[in-house]
């Protein structure tokens, strides 16, 4: 299974570092198609021992064969590293959202009750109801505090690892405990949308696993780079012909 899953993937990613057109891939200027070194068997065992959970097979094989993190969807996969104060951590914009002590708890399939969210939305302050801007701003701040408490509770993401930032505070999580173990969930709570399973293709497509999510990105990155290189070559040929 290991050889079938990740054979040659690290080499394909690293080739893109110098491939013509690679700079046209979204996220290139963030990760540059660089990968951290893979974890050793001892490092992976130590990380899982400290976390108290066995990571999903496809992800642990990725850590061992492709890299501990680096180039990947959007701005890349957060690297798993030893923390300065001991233990392990995921490093990146949102890596600290993971709660290692709660990874063994089942990931919840649903977030806050929709009726609670609707009720809170109905209570959102209207500036026209306040005599001064200061009073409105104070009420608005208090309302947002209630919204964040409801939407961003740590209880929503137990049993999952925040692995990727795709921009504008939207992220991707890998579920490690519960019925959705091994699957990727989309997190657009920054836009007031509850977390939901990431699907590849259309909205009704196949639920993304770590493996399918990563390989779909790699295949698209290779196509994007190749298309950009062909376009640049064609433009250069046309320019030469016109100059001649």
Protein backbone atom coordinates (compact mmCIF):
# COMPACT_ATOMS: atom_id res chain seq x y z
CA UNK A 1 0.00 0.00 0.00
CA UNK A 2 2.79 2.44 0.90
CA UNK A 3 4.55 2.11 -2.46
CA UNK A 4 1.30 2.46 -4.40
CA UNK A 5 0.31 5.57 -2.47
CA UNK A 6 3.36 7.83 -2.46
CA UNK A 7 5.99 6.35 -4.77
CA UNK A 8 7.64 9.15 -6.74
CA UNK A 9 5.49 11.92 -5.24
CA UNK A 10 8.32 13.70 -3.43
CA UNK A 11 10.36 13.72 -6.64
CA UNK A 12 7.42 15.10 -8.65
CA UNK A 13 6.91 17.95 -6.19
CA UNK A 14 10.58 18.87 -6.06
CA UNK A 15 10.84 18.85 -9.87
CA UNK A 16 8.28 21.64 -9.92
CA UNK A 17 10.71 23.95 -8.10
CA UNK A 18 12.58 24.50 -11.37
CA UNK A 19 9.82 23.70 -13.86
CA UNK A 20 8.95 26.44 -16.37
CA UNK A 21 5.56 27.92 -15.53
CA UNK A 22 5.54 26.67 -11.93
CA UNK A 23 5.30 30.24 -10.65
CA UNK A 24 1.76 30.38 -12.06
CA UNK A 25 0.54 27.78 -9.53
CA UNK A 26 -1.43 29.34 -6.69
CA UNK A 27 0.63 29.35 -3.51
CA UNK A 28 3.96 29.03 -5.30
CA UNK A 29 5.34 32.20 -3.75
CA UNK A 30 4.47 30.82 -0.33
CA UNK A 31 5.98 27.33 -0.47
CA UNK A 32 8.11 27.42 -3.63
CA UNK A 33 7.53 23.66 -4.01
CA UNK A 34 9.91 22.99 -1.14
CA UNK A 35 9.34 20.04 1.19
CA UNK A 36 10.58 19.40 4.70
CA UNK A 37 12.55 16.22 5.22
CA UNK A 38 10.40 13.15 5.93
CA UNK A 39 10.11 12.05 9.54
CA UNK A 40 12.10 9.04 10.62
CA UNK A 41 10.26 6.01 11.98
CA UNK A 42 11.42 6.96 15.49
CA UNK A 43 10.24 10.56 15.09
CA UNK A 44 6.82 9.48 13.86
CA UNK A 45 6.49 7.00 16.72
CA UNK A 46 7.47 9.70 19.22
CA UNK A 47 4.98 12.17 17.73
CA UNK A 48 2.12 9.68 17.87
CA UNK A 49 3.07 8.70 21.40
CA UNK A 50 3.03 12.35 22.49
CA UNK A 51 -0.23 13.07 20.66
CA UNK A 52 -1.84 9.93 22.04
CA UNK A 53 -3.32 8.94 18.69
CA UNK A 54 -2.28 6.98 15.61
CA UNK A 55 -2.48 9.28 12.61
CA UNK A 56 -4.48 8.18 9.53
CA UNK A 57 -2.45 5.80 7.37
CA UNK A 58 -2.18 7.99 4.25
CA UNK A 59 -0.98 10.97 6.28
CA UNK A 60 1.54 9.01 8.34
CA UNK A 61 2.92 7.47 5.11
CA UNK A 62 3.17 10.98 3.66
CA UNK A 63 5.13 12.10 6.70
CA UNK A 64 7.52 9.17 6.30
CA UNK A 65 7.98 9.23 2.52
CA UNK A 66 7.14 12.66 1.11
CA UNK A 67 7.89 15.14 3.88
CA UNK A 68 6.90 16.42 7.29
CA UNK A 69 5.13 19.26 5.47
CA UNK A 70 5.73 21.96 2.90
CA UNK A 71 4.46 22.28 -0.65
CA UNK A 72 0.84 21.29 -1.06
CA UNK A 73 -2.65 22.66 -1.69
CA UNK A 74 -2.88 26.46 -1.54
CA UNK A 75 -0.10 27.69 0.77
CA UNK A 76 1.07 24.19 1.64
CA UNK A 77 0.75 21.52 4.32
CA UNK A 78 1.72 22.70 7.80
CA UNK A 79 4.96 20.96 8.85
CA UNK A 80 4.84 18.70 11.91
CA UNK A 81 7.85 19.60 14.06
CA UNK A 82 9.21 19.16 17.54
CA UNK A 83 8.11 22.10 19.69
CA UNK A 84 10.72 24.19 21.44
CA UNK A 85 9.17 23.47 24.82
CA UNK A 86 8.81 19.74 24.16
CA UNK A 87 6.22 17.71 22.33
CA UNK A 88 5.14 18.29 18.73
CA UNK A 89 3.28 21.01 16.83
CA UNK A 90 1.99 21.96 13.39
CA UNK A 91 3.62 25.16 12.18
CA UNK A 92 1.70 27.58 9.97
CA UNK A 93 -1.06 30.17 9.82
CA UNK A 94 -3.63 28.25 11.86
CA UNK A 95 -1.45 25.38 13.00
CA UNK A 96 -2.03 26.50 16.58
CA UNK A 97 -5.77 25.92 16.17
CA UNK A 98 -5.16 22.20 16.66
CA UNK A 99 -5.70 21.03 20.25
CA UNK A 100 -3.29 18.07 20.65
CA UNK A 101 -4.74 17.06 24.02
CA UNK A 102 -8.16 16.44 22.41
CA UNK A 103 -7.19 14.53 19.26
CA UNK A 104 -8.54 11.27 20.67
CA UNK A 105 -12.06 12.71 20.97
CA UNK A 106 -14.45 11.98 18.07
CA UNK A 107 -14.68 14.84 15.59
CA UNK A 108 -18.25 16.25 15.66
CA UNK A 109 -20.18 15.94 12.42
CA UNK A 110 -22.20 19.09 13.11
CA UNK A 111 -21.44 22.46 14.65
CA UNK A 112 -23.61 24.95 16.53
CA UNK A 113 -27.35 24.50 16.37
CA UNK A 114 -28.71 26.39 13.36
CA UNK A 115 -31.51 27.87 15.44
CA UNK A 116 -28.98 29.31 17.89
CA UNK A 117 -27.05 30.89 15.01
CA UNK A 118 -30.24 32.32 13.49
CA UNK A 119 -31.31 33.73 16.85
CA UNK A 120 -27.92 35.34 17.37
CA UNK A 121 -27.93 36.75 13.84
CA UNK A 122 -31.32 38.31 14.53
CA UNK A 123 -29.82 40.09 17.55
CA UNK A 124 -26.98 41.67 15.62
CA UNK A 125 -26.85 45.40 16.45
CA UNK A 126 -28.17 47.88 13.90
CA UNK A 127 -26.27 51.17 13.88
CA UNK A 128 -29.52 53.08 13.33
CA UNK A 129 -30.71 51.98 16.79
CA UNK A 130 -27.88 53.76 18.63
CA UNK A 131 -27.48 57.41 19.52
CA UNK A 132 -23.71 57.41 19.07
CA UNK A 133 -21.06 55.58 17.10
CA UNK A 134 -19.30 54.64 20.33
CA UNK A 135 -22.41 52.88 21.70
CA UNK A 136 -22.87 51.01 18.43
CA UNK A 137 -19.23 49.90 18.27
CA UNK A 138 -19.41 48.65 21.86
CA UNK A 139 -22.56 46.63 21.13
CA UNK A 140 -21.12 45.30 17.88
CA UNK A 141 -17.95 44.16 19.64
CA UNK A 142 -19.98 42.39 22.33
CA UNK A 143 -22.07 40.68 19.63
CA UNK A 144 -18.96 39.45 17.82
CA UNK A 145 -17.62 38.05 21.08
CA UNK A 146 -20.80 35.95 21.39
CA UNK A 147 -20.57 34.89 17.73
CA UNK A 148 -16.96 33.78 18.06
CA UNK A 149 -17.70 31.87 21.26
CA UNK A 150 -20.41 29.95 19.41
CA UNK A 151 -18.65 29.40 16.07
CA UNK A 152 -15.02 29.06 17.17
CA UNK A 153 -15.33 26.88 20.23
CA UNK A 154 -12.54 24.30 20.57
CA UNK A 155 -15.32 21.72 20.89
CA UNK A 156 -15.97 22.09 17.14
CA UNK A 157 -12.54 20.82 16.10
CA UNK A 158 -11.68 18.10 18.60
CA UNK A 159 -10.31 14.99 16.89
CA UNK A 160 -8.92 16.94 13.93
CA UNK A 161 -5.68 18.61 12.80
CA UNK A 162 -5.55 22.00 11.08
CA UNK A 163 -3.25 21.28 8.14
CA UNK A 164 -3.60 24.04 5.58
CA UNK A 165 -4.45 27.72 5.13
CA UNK A 166 -5.99 28.44 1.75
CA UNK A 167 -6.29 32.20 2.20
CA UNK A 168 -8.56 34.77 3.90
CA UNK A 169 -8.63 32.72 7.14
CA UNK A 170 -10.19 29.69 5.41
CA UNK A 171 -8.51 26.41 6.30
CA UNK A 172 -8.50 22.64 5.82
CA UNK A 173 -8.62 20.04 8.62
CA UNK A 174 -7.72 16.34 8.67
CA UNK A 175 -9.98 14.27 10.90
CA UNK A 176 -8.08 11.74 13.01
CA UNK A 177 -10.81 10.42 15.36
CA UNK A 178 -14.43 9.46 14.81
CA UNK A 179 -16.49 8.34 11.79
CA UNK A 180 -14.79 10.84 9.43
CA UNK A 181 -11.25 9.70 10.29
CA UNK A 182 -8.90 10.17 7.34
CA UNK A 183 -11.06 12.74 5.55
CA UNK A 184 -10.47 16.44 4.90
CA UNK A 185 -12.99 19.02 6.10
CA UNK A 186 -13.32 22.59 4.80
CA UNK A 187 -13.40 25.38 7.37
CA UNK A 188 -15.01 28.63 6.19
CA UNK A 189 -16.20 29.76 9.60
CA UNK A 190 -14.51 33.08 8.84
CA UNK A 191 -17.46 33.63 6.47
CA UNK A 192 -20.04 32.39 8.95
CA UNK A 193 -20.26 28.95 7.34
CA UNK A 194 -19.97 25.83 9.49
CA UNK A 195 -17.32 23.24 8.73
CA UNK A 196 -18.25 20.65 6.12
CA UNK A 197 -16.64 17.70 4.30
CA UNK A 198 -14.42 18.77 1.43
CA UNK A 199 -15.49 17.17 -1.85
CA UNK A 200 -13.35 16.86 -4.94
CA UNK A 201 -14.85 17.94 -8.23
CA UNK A 202 -18.40 19.25 -7.94
CA UNK A 203 -20.25 19.98 -4.70
CA UNK A 204 -21.60 16.43 -4.87
CA UNK A 205 -18.21 14.91 -5.62
CA UNK A 206 -16.26 12.32 -3.69
CA UNK A 207 -15.33 13.21 -0.08
CA UNK A 208 -11.64 14.09 0.02
CA UNK A 209 -9.17 11.94 1.91
CA UNK A 210 -5.69 13.23 2.67
CA UNK A 211 -4.30 11.18 -0.22
CA UNK A 212 -6.89 12.21 -2.83
CA UNK A 213 -6.72 15.86 -1.72
CA UNK A 214 -2.94 16.05 -2.00
CA UNK A 215 -2.62 14.11 -5.25
CA UNK A 216 -5.42 16.13 -6.90
CA UNK A 217 -3.48 19.28 -6.04
CA UNK A 218 -0.22 17.85 -7.43
CA UNK A 219 -1.81 16.79 -10.70
CA UNK A 220 -3.42 20.21 -11.12
CA UNK A 221 -0.14 21.96 -10.29
CA UNK A 222 1.69 19.95 -12.95
CA UNK A 223 -1.01 20.79 -15.52
CA UNK A 224 -0.94 24.49 -14.63
CA UNK A 225 2.83 24.69 -14.94
CA UNK A 226 2.84 22.81 -18.24
CA UNK A 227 0.07 24.99 -19.69
CA UNK A 228 1.87 28.18 -18.61
CA UNK A 229 5.14 26.95 -20.12
CA UNK A 230 3.45 26.15 -23.43
CA UNK A 231 1.76 29.54 -23.49
CA UNK A 232 5.05 31.32 -22.80
CA UNK A 233 6.81 29.30 -25.51
CA UNK A 234 4.07 30.11 -27.99
CA UNK A 235 4.24 33.79 -27.17
CA UNK A 236 8.01 33.77 -27.63
CA UNK A 237 7.70 32.04 -31.00
CA UNK A 238 5.07 34.54 -32.16
CA UNK A 239 7.24 37.42 -30.99
CA UNK A 240 10.24 36.09 -32.87
CA UNK A 241 8.18 35.64 -36.02
CA UNK A 242 6.87 39.20 -35.84
CA UNK A 243 10.36 40.56 -35.26
CA UNK A 244 11.63 38.61 -38.25
